[in-house]
Amino acid sequence: MMRNFLYFACLIAISFGSSAQDQSELNVSTIDGIVGELLDQLTIEKGEEMDTATIRSLFHPSAQLTVTDSSEAETVSIDEFLILLKDPYYEEGYLEKEIHKVVDKYNGIAHVFQTFYGKDSEGVEDRGINSFQLAYYQDRWWIVSLLWTVESDYLEIPEKYGG
């Protein structure tokens, strides 16, 4: 499962970059902004290094990340996830784009179902859904939890999520 986790980890909207960004430069004041920030940072060219400081700054310190399918789920902390992302696999390049997004929010909390398209350096293409739980405080949004899954041959993404 750990190798699967590493593979699926590249499919989530986790931030990458070649140098640390000042937090004031990040677009975290809106839901579209923080989710878009992840996508903007995720696409990396071969040989680029991830910017773990930027990744960390998008997440609440106690955030949990979970990859799941119909047979199992694996959850890690943001610290554990950042360690997994140091795998050389990610230095080979990756593209991730948003296909569709459904947002529900109330009183400083939000849930985002984001349908994504991803393509790795080996040409493997997938679609899936990221499920973000967000909290708004200190004049910005924070990712508190991220749960994701990849579309399968036997279970397509529903139309209401852009499938």
C-alpha atoms as a PDB file:
ATOM      1  CA  MET A   1       0.000   0.000   0.000  1.00  0.00           C
ATOM      2  CA  MET A   2       2.857   2.449   0.712  1.00  0.00           C
ATOM      3  CA  ARG A   3       3.969   2.390  -2.946  1.00  0.00           C
ATOM      4  CA  ASN A   4       0.338   2.968  -3.946  1.00  0.00           C
ATOM      5  CA  PHE A   5       0.231   5.860  -1.519  1.00  0.00           C
ATOM      6  CA  LEU A   6       3.307   7.358  -3.132  1.00  0.00           C
ATOM      7  CA  TYR A   7       1.731   6.946  -6.565  1.00  0.00           C
ATOM      8  CA  PHE A   8      -1.584   8.441  -5.521  1.00  0.00           C
ATOM      9  CA  ALA A   9       0.147  11.199  -3.586  1.00  0.00           C
ATOM     10  CA  CYS A  10       1.183  12.803  -6.843  1.00  0.00           C
ATOM     11  CA  LEU A  11      -2.461  12.995  -7.861  1.00  0.00           C
ATOM     12  CA  ILE A  12      -3.479  15.340  -5.077  1.00  0.00           C
ATOM     13  CA  ALA A  13      -3.278  18.999  -5.188  1.00  0.00           C
ATOM     14  CA  ILE A  14      -0.148  19.460  -3.184  1.00  0.00           C
ATOM     15  CA  SER A  15       1.980  22.475  -3.713  1.00  0.00           C
ATOM     16  CA  PHE A  16       5.372  22.287  -5.448  1.00  0.00           C
ATOM     17  CA  GLY A  17       7.833  24.996  -6.383  1.00  0.00           C
ATOM     18  CA  SER A  18      11.486  25.749  -6.861  1.00  0.00           C
ATOM     19  CA  SER A  19      11.865  28.220  -3.992  1.00  0.00           C
ATOM     20  CA  ALA A  20      10.069  29.195  -0.818  1.00  0.00           C
ATOM     21  CA  GLN A  21       7.265  31.680  -1.236  1.00  0.00           C
ATOM     22  CA  ASP A  22       6.470  34.375   1.279  1.00  0.00           C
ATOM     23  CA  GLN A  23       3.116  33.465   2.842  1.00  0.00           C
ATOM     24  CA  SER A  24       1.839  36.954   1.989  1.00  0.00           C
ATOM     25  CA  GLU A  25       2.262  36.045  -1.709  1.00  0.00           C
ATOM     26  CA  LEU A  26      -0.024  33.024  -1.409  1.00  0.00           C
ATOM     27  CA  ASN A  27      -3.640  33.350  -2.492  1.00  0.00           C
ATOM     28  CA  VAL A  28      -5.293  31.912   0.616  1.00  0.00           C
ATOM     29  CA  SER A  29      -7.944  34.559   1.287  1.00  0.00           C
ATOM     30  CA  THR A  30     -10.591  32.760  -0.803  1.00  0.00           C
ATOM     31  CA  ILE A  31     -11.585  29.139  -1.297  1.00  0.00           C
ATOM     32  CA  ASP A  32     -10.860  29.337  -5.020  1.00  0.00           C
ATOM     33  CA  GLY A  33      -7.543  30.950  -4.142  1.00  0.00           C
ATOM     34  CA  ILE A  34      -6.230  28.279  -1.779  1.00  0.00           C
ATOM     35  CA  VAL A  35      -7.420  25.405  -3.979  1.00  0.00           C
ATOM     36  CA  GLY A  36      -6.011  27.191  -7.029  1.00  0.00           C
ATOM     37  CA  GLU A  37      -2.743  27.781  -5.193  1.00  0.00           C
ATOM     38  CA  LEU A  38      -2.374  24.036  -4.761  1.00  0.00           C
ATOM     39  CA  LEU A  39      -2.974  23.451  -8.457  1.00  0.00           C
ATOM     40  CA  ASP A  40      -0.663  26.265  -9.535  1.00  0.00           C
ATOM     41  CA  GLN A  41       2.114  24.806  -7.415  1.00  0.00           C
ATOM     42  CA  LEU A  42       1.481  21.158  -8.284  1.00  0.00           C
ATOM     43  CA  THR A  43       2.552  21.150 -11.904  1.00  0.00           C
ATOM     44  CA  ILE A  44       6.305  20.627 -11.880  1.00  0.00           C
ATOM     45  CA  GLU A  45       8.886  20.145 -14.554  1.00  0.00           C
ATOM     46  CA  LYS A  46      11.441  17.349 -14.475  1.00  0.00           C
ATOM     47  CA  GLY A  47      14.208  18.098 -11.982  1.00  0.00           C
ATOM     48  CA  GLU A  48      12.311  20.708  -9.955  1.00  0.00           C
ATOM     49  CA  GLU A  49      12.330  20.373  -6.185  1.00  0.00           C
ATOM     50  CA  MET A  50       9.213  20.736  -4.098  1.00  0.00           C
ATOM     51  CA  ASP A  51       8.870  23.691  -1.783  1.00  0.00           C
ATOM     52  CA  THR A  52       7.931  22.045   1.514  1.00  0.00           C
ATOM     53  CA  ALA A  53       7.601  25.391   3.289  1.00  0.00           C
ATOM     54  CA  THR A  54       4.907  26.484   0.830  1.00  0.00           C
ATOM     55  CA  ILE A  55       3.152  23.136   1.057  1.00  0.00           C
ATOM     56  CA  ARG A  56       3.126  23.309   4.840  1.00  0.00           C
ATOM     57  CA  SER A  57       1.820  26.894   4.852  1.00  0.00           C
ATOM     58  CA  LEU A  58      -1.362  25.878   3.018  1.00  0.00           C
ATOM     59  CA  PHE A  59      -2.312  23.284   5.631  1.00  0.00           C
ATOM     60  CA  HIS A  60      -3.442  23.525   9.223  1.00  0.00           C
ATOM     61  CA  PRO A  61      -0.593  22.108  11.377  1.00  0.00           C
ATOM     62  CA  SER A  62      -2.683  19.083  12.388  1.00  0.00           C
ATOM     63  CA  ALA A  63      -4.034  18.380   8.892  1.00  0.00           C
ATOM     64  CA  GLN A  64      -4.533  14.803   7.803  1.00  0.00           C
ATOM     65  CA  LEU A  65      -4.305  13.457   4.261  1.00  0.00           C
ATOM     66  CA  THR A  66      -6.007  10.237   3.216  1.00  0.00           C
ATOM     67  CA  VAL A  67      -5.952   8.278  -0.027  1.00  0.00           C
ATOM     68  CA  THR A  68      -8.693   5.702  -0.438  1.00  0.00           C
ATOM     69  CA  ASP A  69     -10.365   3.333  -2.839  1.00  0.00           C
ATOM     70  CA  SER A  70     -13.014   0.635  -2.401  1.00  0.00           C
ATOM     71  CA  SER A  71     -10.575  -1.735  -0.680  1.00  0.00           C
ATOM     72  CA  GLU A  72      -8.601   0.407   1.800  1.00  0.00           C
ATOM     73  CA  ALA A  73      -7.617   3.832   3.063  1.00  0.00           C
ATOM     74  CA  GLU A  74      -4.312   5.198   4.296  1.00  0.00           C
ATOM     75  CA  THR A  75      -3.981   8.380   6.370  1.00  0.00           C
ATOM     76  CA  VAL A  76      -0.859  10.393   7.136  1.00  0.00           C
ATOM     77  CA  SER A  77      -0.086  13.690   8.839  1.00  0.00           C
ATOM     78  CA  ILE A  78       1.214  16.646   6.847  1.00  0.00           C
ATOM     79  CA  ASP A  79       4.709  15.911   8.248  1.00  0.00           C
ATOM     80  CA  GLU A  80       4.560  12.286   7.090  1.00  0.00           C
ATOM     81  CA  PHE A  81       3.195  13.343   3.721  1.00  0.00           C
ATOM     82  CA  LEU A  82       6.038  15.801   3.135  1.00  0.00           C
ATOM     83  CA  ILE A  83       8.512  12.992   3.785  1.00  0.00           C
ATOM     84  CA  LEU A  84       6.718  10.791   1.215  1.00  0.00           C
ATOM     85  CA  LEU A  85       6.907  13.590  -1.339  1.00  0.00           C
ATOM     86  CA  LYS A  86      10.701  13.517  -1.239  1.00  0.00           C
ATOM     87  CA  ASP A  87      10.584  10.346  -3.342  1.00  0.00           C
ATOM     88  CA  PRO A  88      12.522  10.827  -6.627  1.00  0.00           C
ATOM     89  CA  TYR A  89       9.295   9.926  -8.507  1.00  0.00           C
ATOM     90  CA  TYR A  90       8.094  13.515  -8.046  1.00  0.00           C
ATOM     91  CA  GLU A  91      11.239  15.033  -9.533  1.00  0.00           C
ATOM     92  CA  GLU A  92      10.333  13.490 -12.907  1.00  0.00           C
ATOM     93  CA  GLY A  93       7.482  15.969 -13.424  1.00  0.00           C
ATOM     94  CA  TYR A  94       3.725  16.026 -12.962  1.00  0.00           C
ATOM     95  CA  LEU A  95       0.697  17.911 -14.286  1.00  0.00           C
ATOM     96  CA  GLU A  96      -2.582  18.378 -12.428  1.00  0.00           C
ATOM     97  CA  LYS A  97      -5.566  20.436 -13.553  1.00  0.00           C
ATOM     98  CA  GLU A  98      -8.990  21.110 -12.099  1.00  0.00           C
ATOM     99  CA  ILE A  99     -11.900  19.802 -14.157  1.00  0.00           C
ATOM    100  CA  HIS A 100     -14.791  20.775 -11.897  1.00  0.00           C
ATOM    101  CA  LYS A 101     -15.446  21.996  -8.359  1.00  0.00           C
ATOM    102  CA  VAL A 102     -18.425  21.954  -5.979  1.00  0.00           C
ATOM    103  CA  VAL A 103     -18.148  24.185  -2.890  1.00  0.00           C
ATOM    104  CA  ASP A 104     -20.347  24.262   0.205  1.00  0.00           C
ATOM    105  CA  LYS A 105     -19.573  26.700   3.004  1.00  0.00           C
ATOM    106  CA  TYR A 106     -21.026  28.046   6.210  1.00  0.00           C
ATOM    107  CA  ASN A 107     -19.681  30.176   9.067  1.00  0.00           C
ATOM    108  CA  GLY A 108     -15.965  29.726   8.437  1.00  0.00           C
ATOM    109  CA  ILE A 109     -15.990  26.112   7.300  1.00  0.00           C
ATOM    110  CA  ALA A 110     -16.085  24.765   3.766  1.00  0.00           C
ATOM    111  CA  HIS A 111     -16.154  21.474   1.912  1.00  0.00           C
ATOM    112  CA  VAL A 112     -14.787  21.328  -1.638  1.00  0.00           C
ATOM    113  CA  PHE A 113     -15.235  18.389  -4.005  1.00  0.00           C
ATOM    114  CA  GLN A 114     -12.675  19.021  -6.730  1.00  0.00           C
ATOM    115  CA  THR A 115     -12.495  16.774  -9.775  1.00  0.00           C
ATOM    116  CA  PHE A 116      -8.978  16.676 -11.204  1.00  0.00           C
ATOM    117  CA  TYR A 117      -7.001  15.403 -14.154  1.00  0.00           C
ATOM    118  CA  GLY A 118      -3.429  14.288 -13.571  1.00  0.00           C
ATOM    119  CA  LYS A 119      -0.615  13.084 -15.812  1.00  0.00           C
ATOM    120  CA  ASP A 120       2.718  11.813 -14.546  1.00  0.00           C
ATOM    121  CA  SER A 121       6.110  11.731 -16.257  1.00  0.00           C
ATOM    122  CA  GLU A 122       5.482   8.175 -17.448  1.00  0.00           C
ATOM    123  CA  GLY A 123       2.383   9.303 -19.351  1.00  0.00           C
ATOM    124  CA  VAL A 124      -0.096   7.746 -16.907  1.00  0.00           C
ATOM    125  CA  GLU A 125      -3.296   9.788 -16.936  1.00  0.00           C
ATOM    126  CA  ASP A 126      -5.957   9.653 -14.234  1.00  0.00           C
ATOM    127  CA  ARG A 127      -8.975  11.531 -13.024  1.00  0.00           C
ATOM    128  CA  GLY A 128     -10.145  11.631  -9.456  1.00  0.00           C
ATOM    129  CA  ILE A 129     -11.776  13.642  -6.714  1.00  0.00           C
ATOM    130  CA  ASN A 130     -10.100  15.633  -3.956  1.00  0.00           C
ATOM    131  CA  SER A 131     -12.312  16.272  -0.934  1.00  0.00           C
ATOM    132  CA  PHE A 132     -11.040  19.302   0.978  1.00  0.00           C
ATOM    133  CA  GLN A 133     -12.228  20.385   4.404  1.00  0.00           C
ATOM    134  CA  LEU A 134     -11.274  24.014   5.006  1.00  0.00           C
ATOM    135  CA  ALA A 135     -11.407  26.409   7.962  1.00  0.00           C
ATOM    136  CA  TYR A 136     -11.309  30.215   7.818  1.00  0.00           C
ATOM    137  CA  TYR A 137      -9.507  32.102  10.581  1.00  0.00           C
ATOM    138  CA  GLN A 138      -6.655  34.614  10.872  1.00  0.00           C
ATOM    139  CA  ASP A 139      -7.980  36.267   7.685  1.00  0.00           C
ATOM    140  CA  ARG A 140      -7.320  33.217   5.489  1.00  0.00           C
ATOM    141  CA  TRP A 141      -8.412  29.690   4.581  1.00  0.00           C
ATOM    142  CA  TRP A 142      -6.538  26.617   5.854  1.00  0.00           C
ATOM    143  CA  ILE A 143      -6.728  23.046   4.552  1.00  0.00           C
ATOM    144  CA  VAL A 144      -7.687  20.983   7.593  1.00  0.00           C
ATOM    145  CA  SER A 145      -8.216  17.663   5.839  1.00  0.00           C
ATOM    146  CA  LEU A 146      -7.736  16.243   2.362  1.00  0.00           C
ATOM    147  CA  LEU A 147      -9.254  12.959   1.222  1.00  0.00           C
ATOM    148  CA  TRP A 148      -8.897  11.746  -2.349  1.00  0.00           C
ATOM    149  CA  THR A 149      -9.584   8.866  -4.667  1.00  0.00           C
ATOM    150  CA  VAL A 150      -8.900   8.052  -8.291  1.00  0.00           C
ATOM    151  CA  GLU A 151     -11.602   7.130 -10.787  1.00  0.00           C
ATOM    152  CA  SER A 152     -11.794   3.428 -11.608  1.00  0.00           C
ATOM    153  CA  ASP A 153     -13.034   1.498 -14.628  1.00  0.00           C
ATOM    154  CA  TYR A 154     -15.990   0.206 -12.641  1.00  0.00           C
ATOM    155  CA  LEU A 155     -16.960   3.465 -10.917  1.00  0.00           C
ATOM    156  CA  GLU A 156     -16.866   6.663 -12.967  1.00  0.00           C
ATOM    157  CA  ILE A 157     -16.995  10.158 -11.536  1.00  0.00           C
ATOM    158  CA  PRO A 158     -20.669  11.275 -11.243  1.00  0.00           C
ATOM    159  CA  GLU A 159     -21.978  13.932 -13.610  1.00  0.00           C
ATOM    160  CA  LYS A 160     -22.657  16.364 -10.737  1.00  0.00           C
ATOM    161  CA  TYR A 161     -18.875  16.393 -10.109  1.00  0.00           C
ATOM    162  CA  GLY A 162     -17.967  16.973 -13.738  1.00  0.00           C
ATOM    163  CA  GLY A 163     -17.792  13.318 -14.787  1.00  0.00           C
END
